[in-house]
C-alpha atoms as a PDB file:
ATOM      1  CA  UNK A   1      42.985  44.241 -28.390  1.00  0.00           C
ATOM      2  CA  UNK A   2      44.810  43.594 -25.153  1.00  0.00           C
ATOM      3  CA  UNK A   3      43.599  45.026 -21.825  1.00  0.00           C
ATOM      4  CA  UNK A   4      46.725  47.201 -21.729  1.00  0.00           C
ATOM      5  CA  UNK A   5      45.707  49.113 -24.862  1.00  0.00           C
ATOM      6  CA  UNK A   6      42.129  49.426 -23.597  1.00  0.00           C
ATOM      7  CA  UNK A   7      43.448  51.039 -20.392  1.00  0.00           C
ATOM      8  CA  UNK A   8      45.733  53.362 -22.392  1.00  0.00           C
ATOM      9  CA  UNK A   9      42.813  54.409 -24.622  1.00  0.00           C
ATOM     10  CA  UNK A  10      40.542  55.053 -21.637  1.00  0.00           C
ATOM     11  CA  UNK A  11      43.288  57.046 -19.915  1.00  0.00           C
ATOM     12  CA  UNK A  12      43.764  59.215 -23.020  1.00  0.00           C
ATOM     13  CA  UNK A  13      40.010  59.831 -23.309  1.00  0.00           C
ATOM     14  CA  UNK A  14      39.664  60.731 -19.614  1.00  0.00           C
ATOM     15  CA  UNK A  15      42.746  62.959 -19.717  1.00  0.00           C
ATOM     16  CA  UNK A  16      41.354  64.672 -22.822  1.00  0.00           C
ATOM     17  CA  UNK A  17      38.081  65.422 -21.031  1.00  0.00           C
ATOM     18  CA  UNK A  18      39.901  66.704 -17.940  1.00  0.00           C
ATOM     19  CA  UNK A  19      42.152  68.979 -19.996  1.00  0.00           C
ATOM     20  CA  UNK A  20      39.213  70.207 -22.065  1.00  0.00           C
ATOM     21  CA  UNK A  21      37.098  71.035 -19.006  1.00  0.00           C
ATOM     22  CA  UNK A  22      40.033  72.739 -17.322  1.00  0.00           C
ATOM     23  CA  UNK A  23      40.772  74.756 -20.468  1.00  0.00           C
ATOM     24  CA  UNK A  24      37.141  75.856 -20.777  1.00  0.00           C
ATOM     25  CA  UNK A  25      37.025  76.819 -17.105  1.00  0.00           C
ATOM     26  CA  UNK A  26      40.223  78.828 -17.586  1.00  0.00           C
ATOM     27  CA  UNK A  27      38.951  80.577 -20.719  1.00  0.00           C
ATOM     28  CA  UNK A  28      35.486  81.322 -19.303  1.00  0.00           C
ATOM     29  CA  UNK A  29      36.634  82.461 -15.875  1.00  0.00           C
ATOM     30  CA  UNK A  30      37.005  86.233 -15.446  1.00  0.00           C
ATOM     31  CA  UNK A  31      40.597  87.326 -15.594  1.00  0.00           C
ATOM     32  CA  UNK A  32      41.911  89.040 -12.493  1.00  0.00           C
ATOM     33  CA  UNK A  33      45.252  90.215 -13.840  1.00  0.00           C
ATOM     34  CA  UNK A  34      45.258  90.416 -17.614  1.00  0.00           C
ATOM     35  CA  UNK A  35      47.095  93.562 -18.636  1.00  0.00           C
ATOM     36  CA  UNK A  36      47.822  92.564 -22.234  1.00  0.00           C
ATOM     37  CA  UNK A  37      44.466  91.926 -23.927  1.00  0.00           C
ATOM     38  CA  UNK A  38      41.477  93.262 -21.977  1.00  0.00           C
ATOM     39  CA  UNK A  39      42.145  96.832 -20.839  1.00  0.00           C
ATOM     40  CA  UNK A  40      38.749  98.184 -21.848  1.00  0.00           C
ATOM     41  CA  UNK A  41      37.253  98.806 -18.399  1.00  0.00           C
END
């Protein structure tokens, strides 16, 4: 495997972790303006 493909693979893995952490932070953070789903309060 050439160093180019190793760098591409590492970039995909790191980007996947970044997107996953950002998505979890977005989903777990309290919504400030969410008028569609959570209008229970």
